Protein backbone atom coordinates (compact mmCIF):
# COMPACT_ATOMS: atom_id res chain seq x y z
CA MET A 1 0.00 0.00 0.00
CA SER A 2 1.49 3.30 -1.00
CA SER A 3 0.37 6.81 -0.35
CA ASN A 4 0.90 9.91 -2.40
CA THR A 5 2.14 12.06 0.55
CA PRO A 6 5.82 11.77 1.38
CA VAL A 7 6.75 10.97 4.95
CA THR A 8 9.34 13.31 6.47
CA SER A 9 11.06 12.76 9.78
CA GLN A 10 11.93 16.43 10.28
CA PRO A 11 9.68 19.45 9.90
CA ASN A 12 10.38 21.93 7.15
CA ARG A 13 12.61 24.87 7.90
CA GLU A 14 9.70 27.21 7.29
CA ASP A 15 7.73 25.59 10.11
CA ILE A 16 10.42 26.16 12.79
CA PRO A 17 10.31 29.52 14.61
CA TRP A 18 13.55 31.50 14.43
CA TRP A 19 14.21 31.29 18.17
CA ARG A 20 14.35 27.49 17.93
CA ILE A 21 17.36 27.57 15.59
CA PRO A 22 20.57 27.69 17.69
CA GLN A 23 22.63 29.47 15.02
CA VAL A 24 20.16 32.33 14.81
CA VAL A 25 19.95 32.77 18.60
CA PHE A 26 23.77 32.75 18.84
CA VAL A 27 24.18 36.11 17.04
CA PRO A 28 21.92 38.25 19.31
CA ALA A 29 23.26 36.41 22.37
CA LEU A 30 26.83 37.43 21.45
CA LEU A 31 25.75 41.02 20.87
CA LEU A 32 24.01 41.17 24.24
CA LEU A 33 27.05 39.62 25.92
CA GLY A 34 29.26 42.32 24.36
CA VAL A 35 26.96 45.10 25.56
CA LEU A 36 26.86 43.60 29.06
CA ALA A 37 30.66 43.25 29.22
CA THR A 38 31.17 46.82 27.99
CA SER A 39 28.68 48.22 30.49
CA THR A 40 30.36 46.30 33.30
CA MET A 41 33.80 47.64 32.35
CA VAL A 42 32.49 51.22 32.17
CA VAL A 43 30.92 50.95 35.62
CA ILE A 44 34.10 49.45 37.11
CA SER A 45 36.31 52.12 35.55
CA ILE A 46 34.08 54.97 36.74
CA MET A 47 33.72 53.66 40.29
CA ASP A 48 37.40 52.75 40.81
CA GLN A 49 39.16 55.82 39.42
CA ASP A 50 42.71 56.43 40.48
CA PRO A 51 43.12 59.62 42.47
CA VAL A 52 44.86 62.56 40.84
CA LEU A 53 48.06 63.29 42.70
CA ASP A 54 49.15 66.80 43.57
CA LYS A 55 52.49 67.62 41.95
CA GLU A 56 53.49 70.03 44.73
CA VAL A 57 52.99 67.38 47.40
CA TYR A 58 55.02 64.89 45.36
CA GLU A 59 57.89 67.36 44.90
CA ARG A 60 57.85 68.27 48.61
CA GLU A 61 58.00 64.58 49.61
CA LEU A 62 60.79 63.98 47.10
CA ARG A 63 62.87 66.88 48.50
CA ALA A 64 62.31 65.58 52.05
CA ALA A 65 63.42 62.09 50.97
CA GLN A 66 66.60 63.43 49.37
CA VAL A 67 67.69 64.97 52.69
CA LEU A 68 67.61 61.59 54.46
CA ARG A 69 70.55 59.17 54.53
CA GLY A 70 70.96 55.40 54.45
CA GLN A 71 68.07 52.95 54.40
CA ALA A 72 65.55 55.64 55.38
CA ARG A 73 66.45 57.55 52.22
CA THR A 74 66.13 54.44 50.05
CA ASP A 75 62.72 53.62 51.55
CA ALA A 76 61.49 57.20 51.16
CA LEU A 77 62.68 57.44 47.54
CA MET A 78 61.07 54.11 46.69
CA ALA A 79 57.78 55.27 48.21
CA ALA A 80 57.95 58.52 46.22
CA GLN A 81 58.47 56.85 42.84
CA PRO A 82 55.77 57.27 40.22
CA ALA A 83 53.70 54.12 39.68
CA ASN A 84 55.09 53.30 36.23
CA GLN A 85 58.68 53.69 37.43
CA ALA A 86 58.08 51.60 40.53
CA ARG A 87 56.33 48.91 38.50
CA ASN A 88 59.11 48.74 35.90
CA HIS A 89 61.81 48.50 38.58
CA SER A 90 60.02 46.36 41.16
CA ALA A 91 62.70 43.66 40.95
CA SER A 92 65.60 46.12 40.98
CA PRO A 93 67.45 46.22 44.30
CA LEU A 94 68.56 49.83 43.91
CA VAL A 95 66.68 53.08 43.55
CA PRO A 96 67.69 54.94 40.38
CA VAL A 97 69.83 58.04 40.89
CA VAL A 98 67.83 61.27 40.98
CA PRO A 99 68.89 63.60 38.13
CA GLY A 100 71.20 66.38 39.29
CA GLU A 101 72.46 64.38 42.27
CA LYS A 102 75.78 62.52 42.54
């Protein structure tokens, strides 16, 4: 006995709603993930801003550190280093020589 209608095991692509196709849902999900990650980074960067340092205070502390001698001077100069200089020389055992000083 044969019938004229073909038997299909899967429904046609036209019958499946778009949200049931994983590849189609993947694109908006990635876009939403990007927006969420960007928003999170903006909030973190706004809430955890580094303080702006006063140049006069830094220069005053540097002059006071240069007057000291021995280990106290080394400790004071290391504490007065700018962040990028301290980071780049964190493994160095010596404090770089201050320009104009011998």
